[in-house]
Amino acid sequence: MPDKTPVVPALAISLEAKFNQSRSVVFQTHIPLDADPKEIYKQFSKVCEIADRREEFYLLKGLRITLERDEAQLKNDVEKVGRLEDAYRNEWANSGRKGTYELKGQQRTNVDNQRGSLVALKEHIVKIKSEMAELEKLQKAYE
C-alpha cells in the first residue's frame, strides 16, 4: 500500500566545505518552506558552525605535522651550524696560523646566514605552537 503522507515542500541548505586539496564535505539540512527567516538563519548558522569546527580540526592536524617537520629541521640545522663552525675552526687550526681563532669574511657571512635561518625557524615554531594552542582551545570549547 503506497504511503499517503502528504509531501511538504522544503528548503534545502547545502554548504560545501573544502578543508584541503584532497578533502571536502557537503553539509546539508532541510527546513519547511514556510519557515520563519530567523529559523532559516539559525539552521544555516548551525551548518556553518559545524563546517568551521571541521576546518579547525584539519588545520590543527596539519599544524601538528608542520611542527614535527620544523622541529626536526631545527635540530638538523643546529647540527649543521655546529659542523660548519667546527670545519672552519679545524681549517684555521690546520693552517698553522697564530693568534686567536676568529671567523672572517665569507666564513662569518656563512655562519651568520645559518644562524639567521635558525632564528627565523625558531620564531616560526613559536608561531605554530601559538596557533595550535588557539585551535586546541576552540576544539575543547566544542566538547
N, C-alpha and C. Protein backbone atom coordinates (compact mmCIF):
# COMPACT_ATOMS: atom_id res chain seq x y z
N MET A 1 0.84 -1.16 0.00
CA MET A 1 0.00 0.00 0.00
C MET A 1 0.90 1.24 0.00
N PRO A 2 0.71 2.11 -0.94
CA PRO A 2 1.54 3.31 -1.03
C PRO A 2 1.30 4.24 0.16
N ASP A 3 2.38 4.95 0.52
CA ASP A 3 2.30 5.90 1.63
C ASP A 3 1.51 7.12 1.19
N LYS A 4 0.50 7.48 1.96
CA LYS A 4 -0.36 8.62 1.60
C LYS A 4 0.00 9.88 2.38
N THR A 5 1.21 9.89 2.99
CA THR A 5 1.63 11.06 3.74
C THR A 5 1.87 12.20 2.75
N PRO A 6 1.28 13.34 3.01
CA PRO A 6 1.48 14.46 2.08
C PRO A 6 2.93 14.93 2.11
N VAL A 7 3.42 15.26 0.93
CA VAL A 7 4.79 15.76 0.81
C VAL A 7 4.75 17.27 1.02
N VAL A 8 5.53 17.72 1.99
CA VAL A 8 5.59 19.14 2.30
C VAL A 8 6.85 19.70 1.64
N PRO A 9 6.69 20.72 0.82
CA PRO A 9 7.88 21.31 0.20
C PRO A 9 8.84 21.84 1.27
N ALA A 10 10.12 21.75 0.97
CA ALA A 10 11.12 22.20 1.94
C ALA A 10 12.22 22.97 1.24
N LEU A 11 12.91 23.76 2.02
CA LEU A 11 14.10 24.45 1.54
C LEU A 11 15.31 23.60 1.91
N ALA A 12 16.21 23.48 0.99
CA ALA A 12 17.44 22.73 1.28
C ALA A 12 18.56 23.73 1.48
N ILE A 13 19.35 23.49 2.49
CA ILE A 13 20.54 24.31 2.74
C ILE A 13 21.74 23.39 2.58
N SER A 14 22.60 23.73 1.66
CA SER A 14 23.82 22.94 1.42
C SER A 14 25.02 23.86 1.53
N LEU A 15 26.06 23.32 2.13
CA LEU A 15 27.30 24.07 2.26
C LEU A 15 28.45 23.11 1.97
N GLU A 16 29.23 23.42 0.96
CA GLU A 16 30.40 22.60 0.66
C GLU A 16 31.60 23.25 1.34
N ALA A 17 32.30 22.46 2.12
CA ALA A 17 33.49 22.95 2.82
C ALA A 17 34.70 22.18 2.32
N LYS A 18 35.69 22.92 1.84
CA LYS A 18 36.96 22.31 1.40
C LYS A 18 37.98 22.54 2.49
N PHE A 19 38.53 21.44 3.00
CA PHE A 19 39.47 21.54 4.10
C PHE A 19 40.91 21.54 3.62
N ASN A 20 41.18 20.89 2.52
CA ASN A 20 42.48 20.93 1.87
C ASN A 20 42.27 20.42 0.45
N GLN A 21 43.35 20.16 -0.26
CA GLN A 21 43.22 19.77 -1.66
C GLN A 21 42.53 18.43 -1.83
N SER A 22 42.61 17.57 -0.84
CA SER A 22 42.07 16.23 -1.00
C SER A 22 40.84 15.95 -0.14
N ARG A 23 40.35 16.94 0.58
CA ARG A 23 39.24 16.66 1.49
C ARG A 23 38.20 17.79 1.41
N SER A 24 36.98 17.38 1.09
CA SER A 24 35.87 18.32 1.14
C SER A 24 34.63 17.55 1.58
N VAL A 25 33.70 18.28 2.16
CA VAL A 25 32.48 17.69 2.69
C VAL A 25 31.32 18.61 2.32
N VAL A 26 30.19 18.01 2.02
CA VAL A 26 28.98 18.78 1.78
C VAL A 26 28.05 18.56 2.98
N PHE A 27 27.69 19.64 3.64
CA PHE A 27 26.75 19.60 4.75
C PHE A 27 25.38 20.04 4.21
N GLN A 28 24.35 19.28 4.58
CA GLN A 28 23.01 19.60 4.09
C GLN A 28 22.00 19.49 5.21
N THR A 29 20.99 20.33 5.11
CA THR A 29 19.85 20.24 6.01
C THR A 29 18.63 20.75 5.24
N HIS A 30 17.47 20.42 5.74
CA HIS A 30 16.23 20.86 5.10
C HIS A 30 15.33 21.49 6.17
N ILE A 31 14.61 22.50 5.76
CA ILE A 31 13.65 23.12 6.67
C ILE A 31 12.36 23.37 5.90
N PRO A 32 11.24 23.46 6.60
CA PRO A 32 9.96 23.68 5.91
C PRO A 32 9.98 24.97 5.08
N LEU A 33 9.30 24.91 3.97
CA LEU A 33 9.25 26.04 3.04
C LEU A 33 8.68 27.29 3.70
N ASP A 34 7.79 27.10 4.64
CA ASP A 34 7.16 28.26 5.29
C ASP A 34 7.88 28.67 6.59
N ALA A 35 9.12 28.23 6.75
CA ALA A 35 9.87 28.55 7.97
C ALA A 35 10.13 30.04 8.08
N ASP A 36 10.18 30.48 9.29
CA ASP A 36 10.49 31.87 9.60
C ASP A 36 11.93 32.17 9.18
N PRO A 37 12.21 33.34 8.61
CA PRO A 37 13.58 33.67 8.20
C PRO A 37 14.60 33.54 9.34
N LYS A 38 14.15 33.79 10.58
CA LYS A 38 15.05 33.63 11.72
C LYS A 38 15.45 32.16 11.88
N GLU A 39 14.49 31.26 11.65
CA GLU A 39 14.78 29.83 11.75
C GLU A 39 15.72 29.38 10.63
N ILE A 40 15.52 29.94 9.44
CA ILE A 40 16.41 29.62 8.32
C ILE A 40 17.84 30.05 8.67
N TYR A 41 17.97 31.27 9.17
CA TYR A 41 19.29 31.77 9.55
C TYR A 41 19.91 30.91 10.65
N LYS A 42 19.09 30.51 11.62
CA LYS A 42 19.58 29.68 12.72
C LYS A 42 20.11 28.34 12.19
N GLN A 43 19.38 27.71 11.28
CA GLN A 43 19.82 26.43 10.71
C GLN A 43 21.08 26.61 9.88
N PHE A 44 21.12 27.66 9.10
CA PHE A 44 22.31 27.93 8.28
C PHE A 44 23.53 28.18 9.17
N SER A 45 23.33 28.90 10.26
CA SER A 45 24.42 29.17 11.20
C SER A 45 24.96 27.88 11.81
N LYS A 46 24.05 26.96 12.13
CA LYS A 46 24.47 25.66 12.69
C LYS A 46 25.34 24.90 11.69
N VAL A 47 24.92 24.89 10.44
CA VAL A 47 25.69 24.19 9.41
C VAL A 47 27.07 24.83 9.26
N CYS A 48 27.11 26.15 9.26
CA CYS A 48 28.40 26.85 9.13
C CYS A 48 29.31 26.57 10.34
N GLU A 49 28.73 26.53 11.52
CA GLU A 49 29.50 26.25 12.73
C GLU A 49 30.13 24.86 12.68
N ILE A 50 29.36 23.90 12.22
CA ILE A 50 29.89 22.54 12.09
C ILE A 50 31.04 22.51 11.08
N ALA A 51 30.87 23.19 9.97
CA ALA A 51 31.93 23.23 8.96
C ALA A 51 33.18 23.91 9.52
N ASP A 52 32.99 24.98 10.29
CA ASP A 52 34.13 25.67 10.89
C ASP A 52 34.88 24.77 11.87
N ARG A 53 34.15 23.99 12.65
CA ARG A 53 34.79 23.05 13.59
C ARG A 53 35.66 22.04 12.86
N ARG A 54 35.12 21.50 11.78
CA ARG A 54 35.88 20.52 10.99
C ARG A 54 37.11 21.17 10.37
N GLU A 55 36.94 22.38 9.89
CA GLU A 55 38.08 23.10 9.29
C GLU A 55 39.18 23.30 10.34
N GLU A 56 38.79 23.69 11.54
CA GLU A 56 39.76 23.87 12.62
C GLU A 56 40.45 22.55 12.96
N PHE A 57 39.69 21.46 12.96
CA PHE A 57 40.25 20.14 13.25
C PHE A 57 41.35 19.79 12.24
N TYR A 58 41.06 19.96 10.96
CA TYR A 58 42.05 19.61 9.94
C TYR A 58 43.21 20.60 9.90
N LEU A 59 42.95 21.84 10.22
CA LEU A 59 44.03 22.82 10.31
C LEU A 59 44.98 22.45 11.45
N LEU A 60 44.43 22.06 12.58
CA LEU A 60 45.24 21.64 13.72
C LEU A 60 46.06 20.40 13.36
N LYS A 61 45.44 19.48 12.68
CA LYS A 61 46.15 18.27 12.25
C LYS A 61 47.33 18.64 11.35
N GLY A 62 47.12 19.55 10.42
CA GLY A 62 48.18 20.00 9.53
C GLY A 62 49.30 20.73 10.27
N LEU A 63 48.91 21.53 11.27
CA LEU A 63 49.92 22.25 12.05
C LEU A 63 50.78 21.29 12.86
N ARG A 64 50.18 20.21 13.36
CA ARG A 64 50.97 19.21 14.10
C ARG A 64 52.04 18.59 13.20
N ILE A 65 51.66 18.29 11.98
CA ILE A 65 52.61 17.72 11.02
C ILE A 65 53.71 18.74 10.70
N THR A 66 53.32 19.98 10.49
CA THR A 66 54.30 21.04 10.18
C THR A 66 55.24 21.26 11.36
N LEU A 67 54.70 21.26 12.57
CA LEU A 67 55.52 21.45 13.76
C LEU A 67 56.56 20.33 13.88
N GLU A 68 56.12 19.12 13.69
CA GLU A 68 57.03 17.98 13.78
C GLU A 68 58.15 18.11 12.74
N ARG A 69 57.78 18.47 11.53
CA ARG A 69 58.77 18.65 10.45
C ARG A 69 59.74 19.78 10.77
N ASP A 70 59.20 20.91 11.24
CA ASP A 70 60.04 22.07 11.52
C ASP A 70 60.97 21.83 12.70
N GLU A 71 60.50 21.11 13.72
CA GLU A 71 61.38 20.80 14.86
C GLU A 71 62.52 19.88 14.44
N ALA A 72 62.23 18.94 13.56
CA ALA A 72 63.29 18.07 13.04
C ALA A 72 64.28 18.89 12.21
N GLN A 73 63.74 19.81 11.41
CA GLN A 73 64.59 20.68 10.60
C GLN A 73 65.47 21.56 11.49
N LEU A 74 64.91 22.07 12.58
CA LEU A 74 65.68 22.90 13.50
C LEU A 74 66.84 22.10 14.09
N LYS A 75 66.56 20.90 14.52
CA LYS A 75 67.61 20.04 15.08
C LYS A 75 68.72 19.83 14.05
N ASN A 76 68.34 19.51 12.82
CA ASN A 76 69.33 19.31 11.76
C ASN A 76 70.13 20.58 11.47
N ASP A 77 69.44 21.72 11.45
CA ASP A 77 70.12 22.98 11.16
C ASP A 77 71.09 23.38 12.28
N VAL A 78 70.72 23.13 13.53
CA VAL A 78 71.63 23.42 14.65
C VAL A 78 72.89 22.58 14.50
N GLU A 79 72.72 21.30 14.17
CA GLU A 79 73.87 20.43 13.97
C GLU A 79 74.71 20.90 12.77
N LYS A 80 74.04 21.36 11.73
CA LYS A 80 74.72 21.84 10.53
C LYS A 80 75.59 23.06 10.84
N VAL A 81 75.05 23.99 11.64
CA VAL A 81 75.82 25.18 12.03
C VAL A 81 77.03 24.75 12.86
N GLY A 82 76.82 23.81 13.77
CA GLY A 82 77.93 23.31 14.59
C GLY A 82 79.03 22.68 13.74
N ARG A 83 78.61 21.87 12.76
CA ARG A 83 79.59 21.24 11.87
C ARG A 83 80.33 22.28 11.04
N LEU A 84 79.61 23.30 10.59
CA LEU A 84 80.22 24.36 9.79
C LEU A 84 81.26 25.11 10.61
N GLU A 85 80.91 25.48 11.84
CA GLU A 85 81.86 26.19 12.70
C GLU A 85 83.06 25.30 13.03
N ASP A 86 82.81 24.01 13.29
CA ASP A 86 83.91 23.08 13.55
C ASP A 86 84.84 22.97 12.34
N ALA A 87 84.25 22.91 11.15
CA ALA A 87 85.05 22.81 9.94
C ALA A 87 85.92 24.05 9.77
N TYR A 88 85.37 25.22 10.01
CA TYR A 88 86.16 26.46 9.91
C TYR A 88 87.25 26.51 10.98
N ARG A 89 86.91 26.06 12.18
CA ARG A 89 87.89 26.04 13.27
C ARG A 89 89.03 25.07 12.94
N ASN A 90 88.69 23.90 12.42
CA ASN A 90 89.72 22.91 12.04
C ASN A 90 90.57 23.44 10.89
N GLU A 91 89.94 24.10 9.94
CA GLU A 91 90.67 24.69 8.82
C GLU A 91 91.69 25.70 9.34
N TRP A 92 91.27 26.52 10.29
CA TRP A 92 92.16 27.52 10.87
C TRP A 92 93.30 26.84 11.64
N ALA A 93 92.97 25.81 12.43
CA ALA A 93 93.99 25.11 13.23
C ALA A 93 95.02 24.42 12.33
N ASN A 94 94.55 23.86 11.23
CA ASN A 94 95.46 23.14 10.32
C ASN A 94 96.27 24.07 9.42
N SER A 95 95.91 25.33 9.39
CA SER A 95 96.61 26.27 8.51
C SER A 95 97.91 26.78 9.14
N GLY A 96 98.09 26.52 10.43
CA GLY A 96 99.30 26.96 11.11
C GLY A 96 99.30 28.43 11.49
N ARG A 97 98.17 29.06 11.44
CA ARG A 97 98.09 30.47 11.82
C ARG A 97 98.24 30.62 13.32
N LYS A 98 98.74 31.76 13.69
CA LYS A 98 98.90 32.05 15.12
C LYS A 98 97.88 33.09 15.52
N GLY A 99 97.62 33.16 16.78
CA GLY A 99 96.67 34.14 17.29
C GLY A 99 95.36 33.47 17.66
N THR A 100 94.36 34.30 17.84
CA THR A 100 93.05 33.84 18.27
C THR A 100 92.20 33.51 17.05
N TYR A 101 91.51 32.37 17.14
CA TYR A 101 90.60 31.97 16.04
C TYR A 101 89.44 32.95 15.95
N GLU A 102 89.15 33.36 14.74
CA GLU A 102 88.05 34.29 14.52
C GLU A 102 87.51 34.09 13.11
N LEU A 103 86.19 34.04 13.01
CA LEU A 103 85.58 33.94 11.68
C LEU A 103 85.73 35.27 10.96
N LYS A 104 86.09 35.19 9.68
CA LYS A 104 86.26 36.42 8.90
C LYS A 104 85.67 36.22 7.51
N GLY A 105 85.31 37.33 6.91
CA GLY A 105 84.88 37.33 5.52
C GLY A 105 83.70 36.40 5.24
N GLN A 106 83.91 35.56 4.21
CA GLN A 106 82.85 34.66 3.76
C GLN A 106 82.46 33.65 4.83
N GLN A 107 83.41 33.22 5.64
CA GLN A 107 83.09 32.29 6.72
C GLN A 107 82.10 32.94 7.70
N ARG A 108 82.36 34.17 8.08
CA ARG A 108 81.47 34.90 9.00
C ARG A 108 80.08 35.03 8.38
N THR A 109 80.06 35.39 7.10
CA THR A 109 78.78 35.55 6.39
C THR A 109 77.99 34.24 6.38
N ASN A 110 78.70 33.13 6.07
CA ASN A 110 78.02 31.82 6.03
C ASN A 110 77.43 31.45 7.39
N VAL A 111 78.21 31.60 8.44
CA VAL A 111 77.73 31.26 9.79
C VAL A 111 76.59 32.19 10.21
N ASP A 112 76.73 33.48 9.93
CA ASP A 112 75.67 34.43 10.28
C ASP A 112 74.37 34.11 9.54
N ASN A 113 74.48 33.74 8.26
CA ASN A 113 73.28 33.38 7.49
C ASN A 113 72.62 32.14 8.09
N GLN A 114 73.42 31.16 8.46
CA GLN A 114 72.87 29.94 9.06
C GLN A 114 72.18 30.26 10.39
N ARG A 115 72.82 31.09 11.19
CA ARG A 115 72.22 31.46 12.48
C ARG A 115 70.93 32.25 12.28
N GLY A 116 70.92 33.12 11.27
CA GLY A 116 69.70 33.88 10.96
C GLY A 116 68.56 32.96 10.57
N SER A 117 68.89 31.90 9.82
CA SER A 117 67.87 30.92 9.45
C SER A 117 67.34 30.19 10.68
N LEU A 118 68.25 29.90 11.63
CA LEU A 118 67.83 29.24 12.88
C LEU A 118 66.84 30.12 13.64
N VAL A 119 67.16 31.40 13.73
CA VAL A 119 66.29 32.33 14.46
C VAL A 119 64.91 32.38 13.80
N ALA A 120 64.90 32.48 12.47
CA ALA A 120 63.62 32.53 11.75
C ALA A 120 62.82 31.26 11.95
N LEU A 121 63.49 30.11 11.92
CA LEU A 121 62.79 28.84 12.11
C LEU A 121 62.25 28.72 13.54
N LYS A 122 63.02 29.18 14.52
CA LYS A 122 62.54 29.16 15.91
C LYS A 122 61.31 30.04 16.07
N GLU A 123 61.32 31.21 15.43
CA GLU A 123 60.16 32.11 15.50
C GLU A 123 58.95 31.46 14.84
N HIS A 124 59.18 30.78 13.74
CA HIS A 124 58.09 30.10 13.04
C HIS A 124 57.50 28.99 13.92
N ILE A 125 58.34 28.27 14.61
CA ILE A 125 57.87 27.20 15.51
C ILE A 125 57.03 27.79 16.64
N VAL A 126 57.47 28.91 17.18
CA VAL A 126 56.70 29.58 18.25
C VAL A 126 55.32 29.99 17.71
N LYS A 127 55.29 30.52 16.50
CA LYS A 127 54.02 30.94 15.89
C LYS A 127 53.10 29.73 15.69
N ILE A 128 53.65 28.63 15.20
CA ILE A 128 52.84 27.42 15.00
C ILE A 128 52.27 26.93 16.33
N LYS A 129 53.11 26.92 17.37
CA LYS A 129 52.64 26.46 18.68
C LYS A 129 51.53 27.36 19.20
N SER A 130 51.65 28.65 18.96
CA SER A 130 50.62 29.59 19.39
C SER A 130 49.30 29.33 18.65
N GLU A 131 49.39 29.14 17.34
CA GLU A 131 48.19 28.85 16.55
C GLU A 131 47.56 27.53 17.01
N MET A 132 48.40 26.54 17.29
CA MET A 132 47.89 25.26 17.76
C MET A 132 47.17 25.40 19.09
N ALA A 133 47.74 26.20 19.98
CA ALA A 133 47.11 26.40 21.29
C ALA A 133 45.73 27.03 21.14
N GLU A 134 45.61 28.00 20.24
CA GLU A 134 44.32 28.64 20.00
C GLU A 134 43.30 27.64 19.45
N LEU A 135 43.75 26.84 18.48
CA LEU A 135 42.84 25.86 17.88
C LEU A 135 42.44 24.78 18.88
N GLU A 136 43.38 24.35 19.69
CA GLU A 136 43.07 23.35 20.72
C GLU A 136 42.07 23.90 21.72
N LYS A 137 42.22 25.16 22.05
CA LYS A 137 41.28 25.82 22.97
C LYS A 137 39.87 25.85 22.36
N LEU A 138 39.79 26.16 21.08
CA LEU A 138 38.49 26.16 20.40
C LEU A 138 37.90 24.76 20.35
N GLN A 139 38.73 23.77 20.06
CA GLN A 139 38.26 22.39 19.98
C GLN A 139 37.70 21.93 21.32
N LYS A 140 38.38 22.30 22.41
CA LYS A 140 37.92 21.91 23.76
C LYS A 140 36.60 22.60 24.09
N ALA A 141 36.41 23.81 23.60
CA ALA A 141 35.17 24.54 23.86
C ALA A 141 33.97 23.84 23.22
N TYR A 142 34.21 23.11 22.15
CA TYR A 142 33.12 22.41 21.45
C TYR A 142 32.73 21.11 22.14
N GLU A 143 33.62 20.59 22.98
CA GLU A 143 33.35 19.30 23.63
C GLU A 143 32.26 19.40 24.67
